[in-house]
Amino acid sequence: MESFRTGQAMESPREVVEYQELYEAAQVKALPVHESSAAIARYMKDYEDAED
């Protein structure tokens, strides 16, 4: 597994588990796809409205 922080291969099982836990925590907090795309669309609309 490659570290996204350093770009170097991780050989320590402990580091691999740590990154796996971080990834799983991010997945739990992530919005479902339809909610995420709706949030992006709202942001883009607000951004475009602010330019006018």
N, C-alpha and C. Protein backbone atom coordinates (compact mmCIF):
# COMPACT_ATOMS: atom_id res chain seq x y z
N MET A 1 0.85 -1.17 0.00
CA MET A 1 0.00 0.00 0.00
C MET A 1 0.90 1.24 0.00
N GLU A 2 0.47 2.26 -0.74
CA GLU A 2 1.25 3.49 -0.85
C GLU A 2 0.61 4.57 0.01
N SER A 3 1.42 5.30 0.74
CA SER A 3 0.93 6.39 1.57
C SER A 3 0.53 7.57 0.71
N PHE A 4 -0.67 8.09 0.94
CA PHE A 4 -1.07 9.29 0.20
C PHE A 4 -0.37 10.52 0.73
N ARG A 5 0.19 10.45 1.90
CA ARG A 5 0.93 11.59 2.47
C ARG A 5 2.31 11.73 1.84
N THR A 6 3.03 10.60 1.76
CA THR A 6 4.41 10.66 1.30
C THR A 6 4.61 10.08 -0.09
N GLY A 7 3.67 9.27 -0.57
CA GLY A 7 3.80 8.63 -1.87
C GLY A 7 4.74 7.45 -1.85
N GLN A 8 5.17 7.04 -0.65
CA GLN A 8 6.08 5.91 -0.54
C GLN A 8 5.33 4.69 -0.03
N ALA A 9 5.84 3.53 -0.39
CA ALA A 9 5.22 2.28 0.04
C ALA A 9 5.29 2.14 1.55
N MET A 10 4.19 1.68 2.11
CA MET A 10 4.16 1.41 3.55
C MET A 10 4.35 -0.09 3.74
N GLU A 11 5.26 -0.44 4.58
CA GLU A 11 5.52 -1.85 4.82
C GLU A 11 5.05 -2.28 6.20
N SER A 12 4.78 -1.33 7.05
CA SER A 12 4.37 -1.64 8.41
C SER A 12 2.88 -1.99 8.45
N PRO A 13 2.52 -3.17 8.91
CA PRO A 13 1.11 -3.53 9.03
C PRO A 13 0.33 -2.54 9.89
N ARG A 14 0.98 -1.97 10.88
CA ARG A 14 0.32 -0.99 11.74
C ARG A 14 -0.08 0.25 10.95
N GLU A 15 0.81 0.71 10.07
CA GLU A 15 0.49 1.88 9.23
C GLU A 15 -0.65 1.57 8.28
N VAL A 16 -0.65 0.38 7.70
CA VAL A 16 -1.72 0.00 6.79
C VAL A 16 -3.06 0.00 7.52
N VAL A 17 -3.09 -0.54 8.70
CA VAL A 17 -4.33 -0.56 9.49
C VAL A 17 -4.76 0.86 9.85
N GLU A 18 -3.81 1.71 10.19
CA GLU A 18 -4.13 3.11 10.52
C GLU A 18 -4.80 3.81 9.34
N TYR A 19 -4.25 3.64 8.15
CA TYR A 19 -4.82 4.28 6.96
C TYR A 19 -6.17 3.67 6.61
N GLN A 20 -6.30 2.37 6.81
CA GLN A 20 -7.57 1.71 6.54
C GLN A 20 -8.65 2.27 7.48
N GLU A 21 -8.31 2.48 8.73
CA GLU A 21 -9.27 3.04 9.69
C GLU A 21 -9.63 4.48 9.32
N LEU A 22 -8.66 5.26 8.88
CA LEU A 22 -8.94 6.63 8.45
C LEU A 22 -9.88 6.64 7.25
N TYR A 23 -9.64 5.75 6.30
CA TYR A 23 -10.49 5.65 5.11
C TYR A 23 -11.91 5.26 5.50
N GLU A 24 -12.04 4.28 6.37
CA GLU A 24 -13.36 3.82 6.79
C GLU A 24 -14.11 4.92 7.54
N ALA A 25 -13.40 5.70 8.35
CA ALA A 25 -14.03 6.81 9.07
C ALA A 25 -14.53 7.86 8.09
N ALA A 26 -13.76 8.13 7.05
CA ALA A 26 -14.18 9.10 6.02
C ALA A 26 -15.40 8.58 5.27
N GLN A 27 -15.44 7.28 4.99
CA GLN A 27 -16.59 6.70 4.30
C GLN A 27 -17.86 6.85 5.13
N VAL A 28 -17.76 6.66 6.42
CA VAL A 28 -18.93 6.76 7.30
C VAL A 28 -19.49 8.18 7.29
N LYS A 29 -18.61 9.17 7.23
CA LYS A 29 -19.04 10.57 7.29
C LYS A 29 -19.43 11.13 5.92
N ALA A 30 -19.12 10.41 4.86
CA ALA A 30 -19.38 10.91 3.51
C ALA A 30 -20.87 10.90 3.20
N LEU A 31 -21.29 11.85 2.38
CA LEU A 31 -22.68 11.89 1.92
C LEU A 31 -22.91 10.80 0.88
N PRO A 32 -24.15 10.30 0.81
CA PRO A 32 -24.48 9.40 -0.31
C PRO A 32 -24.30 10.16 -1.63
N VAL A 33 -24.12 9.44 -2.72
CA VAL A 33 -23.82 10.04 -4.01
C VAL A 33 -24.86 11.08 -4.40
N HIS A 34 -26.15 10.75 -4.28
CA HIS A 34 -27.18 11.71 -4.71
C HIS A 34 -27.17 12.97 -3.86
N GLU A 35 -26.90 12.84 -2.57
CA GLU A 35 -26.83 14.03 -1.71
C GLU A 35 -25.58 14.85 -2.01
N SER A 36 -24.49 14.16 -2.29
CA SER A 36 -23.25 14.85 -2.62
C SER A 36 -23.40 15.65 -3.91
N SER A 37 -23.97 15.02 -4.94
CA SER A 37 -24.14 15.74 -6.21
C SER A 37 -25.12 16.90 -6.06
N ALA A 38 -26.15 16.74 -5.23
CA ALA A 38 -27.10 17.83 -4.99
C ALA A 38 -26.41 18.99 -4.27
N ALA A 39 -25.53 18.67 -3.32
CA ALA A 39 -24.81 19.72 -2.60
C ALA A 39 -23.88 20.48 -3.54
N ILE A 40 -23.22 19.76 -4.43
CA ILE A 40 -22.32 20.41 -5.40
C ILE A 40 -23.13 21.30 -6.33
N ALA A 41 -24.28 20.81 -6.79
CA ALA A 41 -25.13 21.60 -7.68
C ALA A 41 -25.61 22.88 -7.00
N ARG A 42 -25.99 22.77 -5.71
CA ARG A 42 -26.42 23.96 -4.96
C ARG A 42 -25.28 24.96 -4.84
N TYR A 43 -24.09 24.47 -4.55
CA TYR A 43 -22.92 25.34 -4.42
C TYR A 43 -22.65 26.06 -5.73
N MET A 44 -22.71 25.29 -6.83
CA MET A 44 -22.43 25.90 -8.14
C MET A 44 -23.47 26.97 -8.47
N LYS A 45 -24.73 26.71 -8.14
CA LYS A 45 -25.78 27.69 -8.40
C LYS A 45 -25.55 28.94 -7.56
N ASP A 46 -25.25 28.74 -6.28
CA ASP A 46 -24.98 29.89 -5.41
C ASP A 46 -23.77 30.68 -5.91
N TYR A 47 -22.74 29.99 -6.38
CA TYR A 47 -21.54 30.63 -6.89
C TYR A 47 -21.86 31.44 -8.14
N GLU A 48 -22.64 30.86 -9.04
CA GLU A 48 -23.02 31.56 -10.26
C GLU A 48 -23.91 32.76 -9.94
N ASP A 49 -24.83 32.62 -8.98
CA ASP A 49 -25.70 33.73 -8.58
C ASP A 49 -24.90 34.86 -7.96
N ALA A 50 -23.83 34.53 -7.24
CA ALA A 50 -23.01 35.54 -6.60
C ALA A 50 -22.22 36.36 -7.63
N GLU A 51 -21.92 35.75 -8.78
CA GLU A 51 -21.18 36.45 -9.83
C GLU A 51 -22.05 37.50 -10.52
N ASP A 52 -23.37 37.29 -10.53
CA ASP A 52 -24.28 38.21 -11.23
C ASP A 52 -24.47 39.48 -10.50
